Amino acid sequence: MAKYGYIKLAVGKDGNLSRISNLRQPEQNTLQNGNVIYVYRGSKSKKLYVGQTKHFIQRNDQHYSGNEEKFDVAQFDEVIVLYSSIFNGSALDDAESQLITYFTTDNSKSKKQNVYIDSSEIINRTSGNSVNDYKDRDKVATEVILPFWENELYKFGWVRTPTLKEIRTSELVKYSPIKELTTQQMDILSEIIENPHKNFVINGDAGTGKTVLLTHLVAKLIKDRPNIRVAVVVQPNWEKTAELIFKVYGMNSSNVDVLTSTKMIKANQSYDVTVVDESHKLSRRGNKQHPSFNKVYDIDRFRDLNNHFEAIEMLTKQMVLMYDVLQVIRPANISRGTFEKLTKNFEKKYLTTQFRIQAPEGKSYTSEDYINGIKYLLYKDTNLLSKTNFNPNFNRDVFRDDTPDAYFGFFENKPLKSLFDWVEEDRNFHPEHVDRVLGGLVEDWKQSDGKDASITHWHEDDMSRRWNSTQENWVNSEEDDAEDQIGSVFGVQGIDLNKVGVLIGDDLEVLEDGTLFGNRNKFKNVNGKFSKEDFEAPNAQSEFTLFVLNIYYVLLTRGINGIRIGFWRNDKFMEYLKNTLIVD
């Protein structure tokens, strides 16, 4: 028996609903006093409007009272009213936000904004309330929204995408400003909004929802303070995606700029609020930079500065920084010590709920067990665990599970072939998945090589693979061999993937005393390691080791549905992993 029902009605120009009197009495009662989701559509304009109400007939009259311009110009001539036995208050909010996100993503390729988002209700509500888990949340997603989309909306021609699987992997869904926030995220957002003269650092491990919080924060800022100027600072590999998200959700107003730190500083414009995604990657002055990063210091007012952080601080009244100490991946990034000094008077907040990683159903372990285990594997002999949300009492079953569908695993032989076979198998089962093989920087890495498909970098027997051809928006690359390229950390930091293979190379050595060591002689990114002179400085080697550890931490925390490791000329690390995480 279906968990939902629907009523499809024609809508006249003045909002009159046809055939109401011909409906069964229970259906009439539902329209009068039922918890429902409703979707208006214009068959000619192709525009949609999504809402929720407990009194649809009354709400329809309000829409067509002459006070809502969109209902005067959108030419809505149809409406579907969705009802369900599990539509309580929280479920209604959740179902509405899911449908808005899916409709918006389905329409993202349209040149016009065809999905109406009621800024006075939707943005305000989802930026002002949170929906935590409730009794029937899984049922709403799988037994109401999914079949309603695939069996009704697609059949009627109201949507372009036949299955929700294709949509749910989209970054437009993952980072939607319409998605419901957790109580923790909502509390942080509210505090930022209520304290416009205070600066914030939002600390969070990989996958804890920092970017989702960012999109909600911007939505709330431009809703509450329409004359505000907001800068959203992102990394180059995410700039186009961020622009698309803000565009399709109607947040690309003239007072919001999405740009990299270099572009912001060169523009030399002032902002009321600057929100920085991945602030651990802000650039510091030095010869290990891309030349354009250092060009900003040619501007007179920034001539004596040491990093992009200081320049951005001069250009904004309020700073909100998304930060993860474990994702500083090269000397060009602002150092931990400098960041701590510059943010000494910032309010520090912490996100702890893991969203990205999804342990398989029916397992004894959780996503948090995996994250804590990877932290322990890489950082147990450093001083960084105390600076993160680390729980030493993680369940090691996540690393001992040797079933085919386990979240974690590794291959002892033929790492290149084994990892590509594994992701290819998953693509056959799940064509909508975005799966990739990633690697440490242990083969020659030159960005210019990406222009020539004949240049390959990874070789095993008769297999040849090349590095990612571009850093910007690599996972959405339309090149014929994109899925066969091996991703570097520069192409995937901040990106969600489904299943991920990781090649761990011999730049990460295991010393005789059992500690980990970053070997600069095996590390092939020339801009990512210290010079000989730099290595003479105190703690230079330990800092370089942390860069290597952080690169592998980033790679090992990209996968939503699974991770497999291949050991690239590094059997010692394989034994280290077994002894650290698997052996009692």
Protein backbone atom coordinates (compact mmCIF):
# COMPACT_ATOMS: atom_id res chain seq x y z
CA MET A 1 0.00 0.00 0.00
CA ALA A 2 1.40 3.39 -1.00
CA LYS A 3 2.35 5.76 1.80
CA TYR A 4 1.01 8.75 -0.10
CA GLY A 5 -1.79 9.98 -2.31
CA TYR A 6 -2.23 12.99 -4.54
CA ILE A 7 -4.95 15.18 -5.99
CA LYS A 8 -4.34 16.81 -9.38
CA LEU A 9 -6.44 19.85 -10.21
CA ALA A 10 -6.74 22.41 -12.99
CA VAL A 11 -6.28 26.03 -11.94
CA GLY A 12 -8.15 28.89 -13.59
CA LYS A 13 -6.69 32.35 -14.23
CA ASP A 14 -8.27 33.72 -11.09
CA GLY A 15 -7.18 30.73 -9.03
CA ASN A 16 -10.44 28.82 -9.26
CA LEU A 17 -9.92 25.08 -8.72
CA SER A 18 -11.93 22.79 -10.98
CA ARG A 19 -13.84 19.68 -10.00
CA ILE A 20 -13.60 20.18 -6.23
CA SER A 21 -17.25 19.18 -5.78
CA ASN A 22 -16.67 15.98 -7.79
CA LEU A 23 -13.99 14.72 -5.42
CA ARG A 24 -14.66 12.13 -2.74
CA GLN A 25 -15.44 13.55 0.66
CA PRO A 26 -12.09 12.41 2.20
CA GLU A 27 -10.25 14.23 -0.60
CA GLN A 28 -12.28 17.39 -0.04
CA ASN A 29 -11.54 17.17 3.67
CA THR A 30 -7.81 16.81 2.93
CA LEU A 31 -7.86 19.95 0.79
CA GLN A 32 -9.66 21.83 3.52
CA ASN A 33 -7.80 20.66 6.63
CA GLY A 34 -4.97 18.25 5.76
CA ASN A 35 -1.19 18.43 6.11
CA VAL A 36 -0.11 18.66 2.46
CA ILE A 37 2.67 19.62 0.07
CA TYR A 38 1.45 21.39 -3.06
CA VAL A 39 3.14 22.07 -6.40
CA TYR A 40 1.75 24.59 -8.91
CA ARG A 41 2.89 24.37 -12.53
CA GLY A 42 2.42 26.49 -15.62
CA SER A 43 2.17 24.18 -18.62
CA LYS A 44 3.32 27.01 -20.94
CA SER A 45 5.69 28.93 -18.68
CA LYS A 46 7.14 25.68 -17.17
CA LYS A 47 7.36 27.52 -13.87
CA LEU A 48 6.86 25.70 -10.57
CA TYR A 49 5.94 26.74 -7.07
CA VAL A 50 6.34 24.45 -4.05
CA GLY A 51 4.66 25.02 -0.70
CA GLN A 52 3.17 23.37 2.35
CA THR A 53 0.03 24.07 4.33
CA LYS A 54 -2.59 22.61 6.65
CA HIS A 55 -5.41 24.38 4.78
CA PHE A 56 -4.85 24.19 1.03
CA ILE A 57 -8.16 25.77 -0.12
CA GLN A 58 -7.55 28.78 2.09
CA ARG A 59 -3.88 28.98 1.04
CA ASN A 60 -4.84 28.88 -2.65
CA ASP A 61 -7.19 31.83 -2.09
CA GLN A 62 -4.36 33.73 -0.40
CA HIS A 63 -2.02 33.10 -3.32
CA TYR A 64 -4.57 34.49 -5.78
CA SER A 65 -5.70 37.42 -3.64
CA GLY A 66 -3.69 39.83 -5.82
CA ASN A 67 -0.91 40.31 -3.29
CA GLU A 68 1.56 37.83 -4.80
CA GLU A 69 3.01 38.95 -8.12
CA LYS A 70 4.40 35.54 -9.04
CA PHE A 71 0.88 34.09 -9.12
CA ASP A 72 -0.22 36.88 -11.45
CA VAL A 73 2.59 36.35 -14.00
CA ALA A 74 3.55 32.65 -13.81
CA GLN A 75 0.39 31.40 -15.55
CA PHE A 76 -0.04 28.43 -13.26
CA ASP A 77 -2.77 26.21 -14.66
CA GLU A 78 -2.22 22.96 -12.72
CA VAL A 79 -1.59 21.96 -9.14
CA ILE A 80 -0.78 18.65 -7.48
CA VAL A 81 -1.56 18.28 -3.80
CA LEU A 82 0.49 15.56 -2.08
CA TYR A 83 -0.75 14.01 1.18
CA SER A 84 0.52 11.20 3.38
CA SER A 85 -0.24 9.47 6.66
CA ILE A 86 3.26 10.39 7.86
CA PHE A 87 3.06 14.13 7.16
CA ASN A 88 3.43 15.57 10.63
CA GLY A 89 5.09 18.94 11.30
CA SER A 90 8.73 17.85 10.93
CA ALA A 91 7.98 15.53 8.02
CA LEU A 92 6.15 18.31 6.18
CA ASP A 93 9.13 20.66 6.51
CA ASP A 94 11.51 17.92 5.41
CA ALA A 95 9.43 16.85 2.40
CA GLU A 96 9.05 20.43 1.22
CA SER A 97 12.77 21.19 1.43
CA GLN A 98 13.62 17.95 -0.39
CA LEU A 99 11.25 18.68 -3.25
CA ILE A 100 12.42 22.28 -3.64
CA THR A 101 16.04 21.09 -3.81
CA TYR A 102 15.25 18.35 -6.34
CA PHE A 103 13.09 20.62 -8.52
CA THR A 104 15.77 23.31 -8.50
CA THR A 105 18.48 20.83 -9.49
CA ASP A 106 16.26 19.32 -12.20
CA ASN A 107 15.82 22.84 -13.64
CA SER A 108 19.44 23.94 -13.21
CA LYS A 109 20.24 23.79 -16.93
CA SER A 110 17.39 26.12 -17.80
CA LYS A 111 18.37 29.68 -18.64
CA LYS A 112 15.43 30.94 -16.59
CA GLN A 113 14.76 30.44 -12.92
CA ASN A 114 11.67 28.27 -13.17
CA VAL A 115 11.38 27.13 -9.56
CA TYR A 116 9.87 29.72 -7.27
CA ILE A 117 11.30 29.80 -3.77
CA ASP A 118 9.19 31.89 -1.45
CA SER A 119 11.93 33.94 0.20
CA SER A 120 9.61 35.08 2.96
CA GLU A 121 8.85 31.50 3.94
CA ILE A 122 11.29 28.93 2.59
CA ILE A 123 14.63 30.69 3.02
CA ASN A 124 13.50 32.18 6.30
CA ARG A 125 12.21 28.89 7.63
CA THR A 126 15.18 26.76 6.66
CA SER A 127 17.53 29.42 7.96
CA GLY A 128 15.58 29.72 11.16
CA ASN A 129 14.62 26.17 12.07
CA SER A 130 16.28 22.80 11.99
CA VAL A 131 14.82 19.41 11.33
CA ASN A 132 16.46 16.65 13.29
CA ASP A 133 15.80 12.96 12.79
CA TYR A 134 12.19 12.04 13.41
CA LYS A 135 10.43 8.72 13.48
CA ASP A 136 9.56 8.36 9.80
CA ARG A 137 12.31 10.37 8.11
CA ASP A 138 13.55 7.43 6.02
CA LYS A 139 9.99 6.65 4.96
CA VAL A 140 9.40 10.22 3.80
CA ALA A 141 12.45 10.00 1.53
CA THR A 142 12.00 6.46 0.21
CA GLU A 143 8.25 5.81 0.36
CA VAL A 144 6.84 9.25 -0.40
CA ILE A 145 9.24 11.62 -2.19
CA LEU A 146 11.02 9.03 -4.35
CA PRO A 147 7.93 7.24 -5.76
CA PHE A 148 6.02 10.52 -6.06
CA TRP A 149 8.84 11.89 -8.23
CA GLU A 150 9.41 8.81 -10.35
CA ASN A 151 5.84 7.49 -10.65
CA GLU A 152 3.83 10.71 -10.82
CA LEU A 153 5.89 13.85 -11.55
CA TYR A 154 8.02 12.25 -14.27
CA LYS A 155 5.01 10.48 -15.78
CA PHE A 156 3.14 13.80 -16.00
CA GLY A 157 6.15 15.48 -17.63
CA TRP A 158 6.65 17.89 -14.74
CA VAL A 159 10.32 16.92 -14.30
CA ARG A 160 13.13 16.03 -16.72
CA THR A 161 15.08 13.54 -14.61
CA PRO A 162 13.45 10.09 -14.36
CA THR A 163 15.13 8.91 -11.15
CA LEU A 164 16.14 10.71 -7.99
CA LYS A 165 19.39 8.71 -7.88
CA GLU A 166 20.69 10.90 -10.70
CA ILE A 167 19.85 14.07 -8.79
CA ARG A 168 20.94 13.12 -5.27
CA THR A 169 24.62 12.91 -6.28
CA SER A 170 24.59 16.49 -7.60
CA GLU A 171 26.53 19.17 -5.73
CA LEU A 172 23.44 21.35 -6.12
CA VAL A 173 21.72 18.93 -3.74
CA LYS A 174 24.66 18.33 -1.39
CA TYR A 175 25.24 22.02 -0.70
CA SER A 176 21.67 23.29 -1.13
CA PRO A 177 20.72 26.32 1.00
CA ILE A 178 17.26 24.76 1.22
CA LYS A 179 18.41 21.60 3.03
CA GLU A 180 17.49 21.42 6.67
CA LEU A 181 20.23 22.18 9.20
CA THR A 182 21.04 20.25 12.34
CA THR A 183 20.48 21.95 15.68
CA GLN A 184 24.25 22.39 16.00
CA GLN A 185 24.52 24.10 12.61
CA MET A 186 21.46 26.22 13.33
CA ASP A 187 22.81 27.43 16.67
CA ILE A 188 26.07 28.52 15.03
CA LEU A 189 24.24 30.27 12.18
CA SER A 190 22.00 32.16 14.61
CA GLU A 191 24.96 33.32 16.69
CA ILE A 192 26.75 34.65 13.61
CA ILE A 193 23.64 36.53 12.44
CA GLU A 194 23.01 38.00 15.89
CA ASN A 195 26.61 39.22 16.28
CA PRO A 196 27.51 41.20 13.13
CA HIS A 197 30.51 42.82 14.83
CA LYS A 198 32.11 39.54 15.89
CA ASN A 199 34.43 37.35 13.79
CA PHE A 200 34.10 33.55 13.78
CA VAL A 201 36.15 30.43 13.06
CA ILE A 202 34.00 27.38 12.32
CA ASN A 203 36.15 24.32 12.99
CA GLY A 204 35.09 21.01 11.51
CA ASP A 205 36.51 17.75 10.22
CA ALA A 206 36.06 16.75 6.59
CA GLY A 207 32.39 16.11 5.88
CA THR A 208 30.90 17.89 8.91
CA GLY A 209 28.77 20.33 6.89
CA LYS A 210 30.92 23.46 6.79
CA THR A 211 29.98 24.27 3.18
CA VAL A 212 26.27 23.63 3.73
CA LEU A 213 26.41 26.02 6.68
CA LEU A 214 28.12 28.54 4.39
CA THR A 215 25.32 28.50 1.78
CA HIS A 216 22.65 28.81 4.47
CA LEU A 217 24.50 31.68 6.11
CA VAL A 218 24.67 33.66 2.87
CA ALA A 219 20.98 32.97 2.17
CA LYS A 220 20.05 34.23 5.62
CA LEU A 221 22.28 37.30 5.38
CA ILE A 222 20.84 38.53 2.08
CA LYS A 223 17.30 37.79 3.27
CA ASP A 224 17.62 39.66 6.58
CA ARG A 225 19.87 42.48 5.36
CA PRO A 226 19.06 43.12 1.66
CA ASN A 227 21.56 45.99 1.33
CA ILE A 228 24.49 44.00 2.68
CA ARG A 229 27.60 43.29 0.59
CA VAL A 230 28.81 39.70 0.99
CA ALA A 231 31.98 38.07 -0.36
CA VAL A 232 32.07 34.29 -0.58
CA VAL A 233 35.70 33.21 -0.90
CA VAL A 234 36.25 29.72 -2.35
CA GLN A 235 39.08 27.67 -3.78
CA PRO A 236 39.59 27.75 -7.59
CA ASN A 237 38.46 24.12 -8.00
CA TRP A 238 35.04 25.02 -6.53
CA GLU A 239 34.47 28.52 -7.92
CA LYS A 240 32.26 27.52 -10.87
CA THR A 241 30.21 25.11 -8.76
CA ALA A 242 29.65 27.76 -6.09
CA GLU A 243 28.54 30.28 -8.71
CA LEU A 244 26.05 27.75 -10.10
CA ILE A 245 24.64 26.97 -6.64
CA PHE A 246 24.09 30.64 -5.90
CA LYS A 247 22.57 31.19 -9.33
CA VAL A 248 20.04 28.35 -9.39
CA TYR A 249 18.84 29.12 -5.87
CA GLY A 250 18.30 32.77 -6.73
CA MET A 251 21.13 34.02 -4.51
CA ASN A 252 23.26 35.60 -7.25
CA SER A 253 22.20 39.13 -6.38
CA SER A 254 24.37 42.14 -7.12
CA ASN A 255 25.47 42.36 -3.49
CA VAL A 256 26.94 38.82 -3.34
CA ASP A 257 30.28 38.06 -4.99
CA VAL A 258 31.64 34.49 -5.30
CA LEU A 259 35.37 34.64 -5.94
CA THR A 260 38.81 33.36 -4.97
CA SER A 261 40.93 35.16 -2.39
CA THR A 262 43.28 36.40 -5.14
CA LYS A 263 40.41 37.90 -7.14
CA MET A 264 38.92 39.51 -4.04
CA ILE A 265 42.17 41.17 -3.00
CA LYS A 266 43.00 42.35 -6.53
CA ALA A 267 39.53 43.90 -6.84
CA ASN A 268 40.27 45.82 -3.61
CA GLN A 269 36.57 46.27 -2.79
CA SER A 270 35.06 46.44 0.70
CA TYR A 271 32.42 44.07 2.11
CA ASP A 272 30.19 43.89 5.15
CA VAL A 273 30.70 40.13 5.58
CA THR A 274 33.26 37.77 4.07
CA VAL A 275 32.69 34.03 4.38
CA VAL A 276 35.78 31.97 3.55
CA ASP A 277 35.42 28.30 2.65
CA GLU A 278 38.49 26.17 3.40
CA SER A 279 40.34 29.01 5.11
CA HIS A 280 43.13 26.56 5.97
CA LYS A 281 44.19 26.96 2.32
CA LEU A 282 44.54 30.74 2.38
CA SER A 283 47.84 31.69 0.79
CA ARG A 284 50.91 32.99 2.58
CA ARG A 285 53.62 35.07 1.00
CA GLY A 286 56.53 33.06 -0.40
CA ASN A 287 58.27 31.56 -3.39
CA LYS A 288 56.23 28.34 -3.29
CA GLN A 289 53.14 30.15 -4.57
CA HIS A 290 51.52 30.33 -7.94
CA PRO A 291 52.79 33.70 -9.23
CA SER A 292 49.28 35.19 -9.27
CA PHE A 293 48.92 34.62 -5.52
CA ASN A 294 51.91 36.86 -4.80
CA LYS A 295 50.80 39.57 -7.26
CA VAL A 296 48.37 40.91 -4.66
CA TYR A 297 51.32 42.28 -2.68
CA ASP A 298 52.10 44.64 -5.55
CA ILE A 299 49.05 46.68 -4.51
CA ASP A 300 50.23 49.51 -2.29
CA ARG A 301 47.94 48.94 0.69
CA PHE A 302 48.88 45.24 0.81
CA ARG A 303 52.60 45.63 0.11
CA ASP A 304 53.75 44.86 3.67
CA LEU A 305 51.36 41.98 4.38
CA ASN A 306 52.38 38.36 4.86
CA ASN A 307 49.29 36.43 3.71
CA HIS A 308 45.88 36.66 2.08
CA PHE A 309 44.18 36.47 5.47
CA GLU A 310 45.51 39.90 6.47
CA ALA A 311 44.40 41.44 3.18
CA ILE A 312 40.88 40.01 3.42
CA GLU A 313 40.62 41.26 7.00
CA MET A 314 41.34 44.79 5.74
CA LEU A 315 38.52 44.50 3.18
CA THR A 316 35.67 43.35 5.41
CA LYS A 317 33.82 44.27 8.58
CA GLN A 318 33.07 40.69 9.62
CA MET A 319 34.91 37.44 8.81
CA VAL A 320 33.48 33.91 9.03
CA LEU A 321 36.13 31.24 8.39
CA MET A 322 35.51 27.54 7.70
CA TYR A 323 38.61 25.73 8.97
CA ASP A 324 40.11 22.24 9.33
CA VAL A 325 43.59 22.00 10.78
CA LEU A 326 44.09 18.59 9.11
CA GLN A 327 43.64 19.95 5.60
CA VAL A 328 46.69 22.23 5.39
CA ILE A 329 48.44 20.49 2.51
CA ARG A 330 51.45 22.55 1.39
CA PRO A 331 53.89 25.24 2.52
CA ALA A 332 51.98 27.79 0.48
CA ASN A 333 49.02 27.51 2.90
CA ILE A 334 48.86 29.77 5.92
CA SER A 335 50.64 28.08 8.83
CA ARG A 336 48.75 26.77 11.85
CA GLY A 337 50.70 29.05 14.17
CA THR A 338 49.98 32.16 12.10
CA PHE A 339 46.31 31.25 11.77
CA GLU A 340 45.98 30.75 15.53
CA LYS A 341 47.67 34.09 16.20
CA LEU A 342 45.52 36.02 13.70
CA THR A 343 42.28 34.49 15.02
CA LYS A 344 43.15 34.81 18.71
CA ASN A 345 40.14 37.07 19.31
CA PHE A 346 37.74 35.25 16.96
CA GLU A 347 34.83 33.27 18.37
CA LYS A 348 35.60 29.54 17.89
CA LYS A 349 32.78 27.11 17.03
CA TYR A 350 32.92 23.37 16.31
CA LEU A 351 30.93 21.11 13.97
CA THR A 352 31.02 17.46 15.01
CA THR A 353 28.30 15.59 13.08
CA GLN A 354 29.62 13.57 10.11
CA PHE A 355 27.53 13.98 6.95
CA ARG A 356 29.70 12.84 4.06
CA ILE A 357 30.66 9.31 5.01
CA GLN A 358 27.81 6.80 5.14
CA ALA A 359 28.63 3.48 6.73
CA PRO A 360 26.60 0.62 5.16
CA GLU A 361 23.34 -0.28 6.86
CA GLY A 362 23.39 -3.16 9.30
CA LYS A 363 27.02 -2.72 10.34
CA SER A 364 28.26 -2.43 13.91
CA TYR A 365 30.38 0.60 13.04
CA THR A 366 29.59 4.20 12.12
CA SER A 367 31.05 6.90 9.92
CA GLU A 368 32.56 8.53 13.01
CA ASP A 369 34.43 5.27 13.75
CA TYR A 370 36.07 5.47 10.34
CA ILE A 371 37.07 9.13 10.68
CA ASN A 372 38.52 8.60 14.15
CA GLY A 373 40.43 5.54 12.96
CA ILE A 374 41.98 7.41 10.03
CA LYS A 375 42.97 10.25 12.35
CA TYR A 376 44.60 7.77 14.71
CA LEU A 377 46.39 5.98 11.85
CA LEU A 378 47.94 9.19 10.52
CA TYR A 379 48.32 11.47 13.54
CA LYS A 380 48.75 9.32 16.65
CA ASP A 381 52.39 10.40 17.03
CA THR A 382 51.76 14.11 16.37
CA ASN A 383 50.25 16.84 18.55
CA LEU A 384 47.30 17.48 16.23
CA LEU A 385 44.68 15.07 17.59
CA SER A 386 44.04 17.35 20.55
CA LYS A 387 43.13 20.13 18.10
CA THR A 388 40.38 18.06 16.49
CA ASN A 389 37.20 16.31 17.55
CA PHE A 390 39.03 13.00 18.06
CA ASN A 391 37.49 10.08 19.97
CA PRO A 392 40.06 7.38 20.81
CA ASN A 393 37.32 4.83 21.56
CA PHE A 394 36.45 4.14 17.93
CA ASN A 395 35.09 0.77 16.79
CA ARG A 396 37.85 -1.00 14.84
CA ASP A 397 35.32 -3.28 13.13
CA VAL A 398 35.18 -0.68 10.35
CA PHE A 399 38.74 -1.68 9.44
CA ARG A 400 38.29 -5.41 10.09
CA ASP A 401 35.19 -5.84 7.94
CA ASP A 402 36.38 -7.90 4.94
CA THR A 403 33.00 -8.36 3.22
CA PRO A 404 32.64 -7.11 -0.39
CA ASP A 405 30.32 -4.28 0.66
CA ALA A 406 32.42 -3.09 3.61
CA TYR A 407 33.04 0.64 3.77
CA PHE A 408 36.83 0.23 4.07
CA GLY A 409 39.29 -2.18 2.52
CA PHE A 410 42.66 -2.47 0.79
CA PHE A 411 44.37 -4.40 -1.99
CA GLU A 412 47.77 -6.00 -1.43
CA ASN A 413 48.61 -6.64 -5.09
CA LYS A 414 48.29 -4.77 -8.39
CA PRO A 415 47.08 -1.54 -6.75
CA LEU A 416 46.34 0.34 -9.99
CA LYS A 417 44.37 -2.46 -11.63
CA SER A 418 42.63 -3.45 -8.40
CA LEU A 419 41.38 0.04 -7.61
CA PHE A 420 40.12 0.73 -11.13
CA ASP A 421 38.40 -2.67 -11.26
CA TRP A 422 36.72 -1.85 -7.95
CA VAL A 423 35.37 1.56 -9.00
CA GLU A 424 34.33 0.19 -12.40
CA GLU A 425 32.29 -2.51 -10.71
CA ASP A 426 30.52 0.14 -8.65
CA ARG A 427 29.75 2.22 -11.74
CA ASN A 428 28.10 -0.83 -13.31
CA PHE A 429 25.85 -1.16 -10.26
CA HIS A 430 25.38 2.60 -9.76
CA PRO A 431 25.80 4.59 -13.01
CA GLU A 432 24.84 7.77 -11.17
CA HIS A 433 27.83 7.51 -8.81
CA VAL A 434 30.84 9.78 -9.13
CA ASP A 435 33.73 7.40 -8.38
CA ARG A 436 37.43 8.19 -8.71
CA VAL A 437 40.90 6.82 -8.04
CA LEU A 438 43.12 9.35 -6.25
CA GLY A 439 46.82 9.35 -5.50
CA GLY A 440 49.49 10.86 -3.30
CA LEU A 441 51.97 13.17 -5.03
CA VAL A 442 54.49 10.44 -5.76
CA GLU A 443 54.54 10.65 -9.55
CA ASP A 444 55.66 13.72 -11.48
CA TRP A 445 52.94 16.32 -11.13
CA LYS A 446 52.81 19.25 -13.53
CA GLN A 447 49.62 21.16 -14.15
CA SER A 448 50.69 21.84 -17.74
CA ASP A 449 50.66 18.10 -18.49
CA GLY A 450 46.87 18.19 -18.38
CA LYS A 451 46.77 19.79 -21.81
CA ASP A 452 48.32 16.70 -23.43
CA ALA A 453 46.36 13.45 -23.07
CA SER A 454 49.32 11.44 -24.34
CA ILE A 455 51.40 12.21 -21.24
CA THR A 456 50.78 9.55 -18.60
CA HIS A 457 52.19 9.41 -15.10
CA TRP A 458 51.11 6.16 -13.42
CA HIS A 459 52.21 2.84 -14.93
CA GLU A 460 51.61 -0.76 -13.89
CA ASP A 461 52.23 -3.62 -16.30
CA ASP A 462 50.35 -2.56 -19.43
CA MET A 463 48.18 0.04 -17.63
CA SER A 464 48.90 3.75 -18.02
CA ARG A 465 47.01 6.56 -16.32
CA ARG A 466 47.49 10.31 -16.15
CA TRP A 467 46.92 12.89 -13.45
CA ASN A 468 43.73 14.96 -13.41
CA SER A 469 43.83 17.20 -16.48
CA THR A 470 42.47 20.22 -14.61
CA GLN A 471 42.06 21.34 -11.03
CA GLU A 472 38.94 23.41 -11.60
CA ASN A 473 35.73 21.37 -11.51
CA TRP A 474 37.65 18.20 -12.38
CA VAL A 475 34.99 15.74 -11.19
CA ASN A 476 32.57 17.24 -13.71
CA SER A 477 35.07 17.20 -16.57
CA GLU A 478 33.61 16.07 -19.90
CA GLU A 479 36.91 14.70 -21.23
CA ASP A 480 36.65 11.18 -22.60
CA ASP A 481 39.17 9.78 -20.12
CA ALA A 482 38.07 11.83 -17.10
CA GLU A 483 36.97 8.79 -15.08
CA ASP A 484 40.27 7.06 -15.85
CA GLN A 485 42.42 9.95 -14.67
CA ILE A 486 43.96 9.82 -11.21
CA GLY A 487 42.94 12.71 -9.01
CA SER A 488 45.42 14.77 -7.03
CA VAL A 489 44.57 16.48 -3.79
CA PHE A 490 44.33 19.78 -5.69
CA GLY A 491 41.39 18.53 -7.74
CA VAL A 492 39.32 17.02 -4.92
CA GLN A 493 39.82 19.05 -1.75
CA GLY A 494 36.36 20.08 -0.58
CA ILE A 495 34.67 17.67 -3.02
CA ASP A 496 32.34 14.74 -2.24
CA LEU A 497 32.73 11.50 -4.21
CA ASN A 498 30.88 8.21 -3.92
CA LYS A 499 33.51 5.47 -3.94
CA VAL A 500 37.18 6.36 -3.79
CA GLY A 501 40.35 4.39 -4.39
CA VAL A 502 43.50 5.89 -2.83
CA LEU A 503 47.06 5.11 -3.91
CA ILE A 504 49.34 5.64 -0.91
CA GLY A 505 52.92 6.06 -2.09
CA ASP A 506 56.40 5.90 -0.67
CA ASP A 507 56.48 9.60 0.22
CA LEU A 508 54.95 8.37 3.49
CA GLU A 509 57.60 6.21 5.16
CA VAL A 510 57.44 4.12 8.31
CA LEU A 511 60.60 4.60 10.37
CA GLU A 512 62.27 1.93 12.50
CA ASP A 513 60.60 3.31 15.64
CA GLY A 514 57.18 2.89 14.02
CA THR A 515 56.49 6.59 13.42
CA LEU A 516 55.51 8.14 10.08
CA PHE A 517 57.90 10.31 8.08
CA GLY A 518 57.37 12.49 5.01
CA ASN A 519 60.15 11.75 2.50
CA ARG A 520 60.71 14.87 0.40
CA ASN A 521 62.87 12.91 -2.06
CA LYS A 522 59.85 10.78 -3.04
CA PHE A 523 57.43 13.74 -3.09
CA LYS A 524 56.98 14.96 -6.69
CA ASN A 525 55.20 18.29 -6.38
CA VAL A 526 58.04 20.80 -6.44
CA ASN A 527 55.83 23.62 -5.11
CA GLY A 528 54.72 21.49 -2.19
CA LYS A 529 57.97 20.96 -0.34
CA PHE A 530 60.53 23.12 1.39
CA SER A 531 63.77 24.15 -0.25
CA LYS A 532 67.08 22.87 1.10
CA GLU A 533 67.48 26.13 2.99
CA ASP A 534 63.98 25.87 4.44
CA PHE A 535 64.75 22.39 5.73
CA GLU A 536 67.50 23.83 7.90
CA ALA A 537 64.88 25.63 9.99
CA PRO A 538 63.74 24.06 13.28
CA ASN A 539 60.75 21.70 12.94
CA ALA A 540 60.86 21.90 9.12
CA GLN A 541 60.89 18.11 8.73
CA SER A 542 57.97 17.59 11.11
CA GLU A 543 56.03 20.31 9.30
CA PHE A 544 56.68 18.65 5.95
CA THR A 545 55.59 15.28 7.37
CA LEU A 546 52.32 16.91 8.44
CA PHE A 547 51.77 18.21 4.90
CA VAL A 548 52.11 14.66 3.56
CA LEU A 549 49.83 13.27 6.29
CA ASN A 550 47.22 15.94 5.58
CA ILE A 551 47.25 15.15 1.85
CA TYR A 552 46.39 11.52 2.58
CA TYR A 553 43.82 12.56 5.17
CA VAL A 554 42.06 14.64 2.50
CA LEU A 555 42.13 11.78 -0.01
CA LEU A 556 40.91 9.23 2.54
CA THR A 557 37.93 11.37 3.57
CA ARG A 558 36.37 12.02 0.14
CA GLY A 559 34.25 8.86 -0.15
CA ILE A 560 30.56 8.80 0.73
CA ASN A 561 29.97 5.10 0.11
CA GLY A 562 33.36 3.43 0.35
CA ILE A 563 37.16 3.63 0.40
CA ARG A 564 39.79 1.19 -0.85
CA ILE A 565 43.54 1.65 -0.51
CA GLY A 566 46.25 0.51 -2.91
CA PHE A 567 49.87 0.60 -1.70
CA TRP A 568 52.14 2.16 -4.35
CA ARG A 569 55.67 0.94 -3.67
CA ASN A 570 54.84 1.06 0.03
CA ASP A 571 54.35 -2.39 1.59
CA LYS A 572 55.72 -1.07 4.88
CA PHE A 573 52.74 1.24 5.24
CA MET A 574 50.43 -1.71 4.55
CA GLU A 575 51.95 -3.57 7.50
CA TYR A 576 51.78 -0.40 9.60
CA LEU A 577 48.05 -0.07 8.81
CA LYS A 578 47.38 -3.69 9.73
CA ASN A 579 49.27 -3.41 13.01
CA THR A 580 47.69 -0.07 13.93
CA LEU A 581 44.04 -0.63 13.06
CA ILE A 582 43.36 -4.34 12.55
CA VAL A 583 45.53 -6.52 14.79
CA ASP A 584 44.39 -6.78 18.41
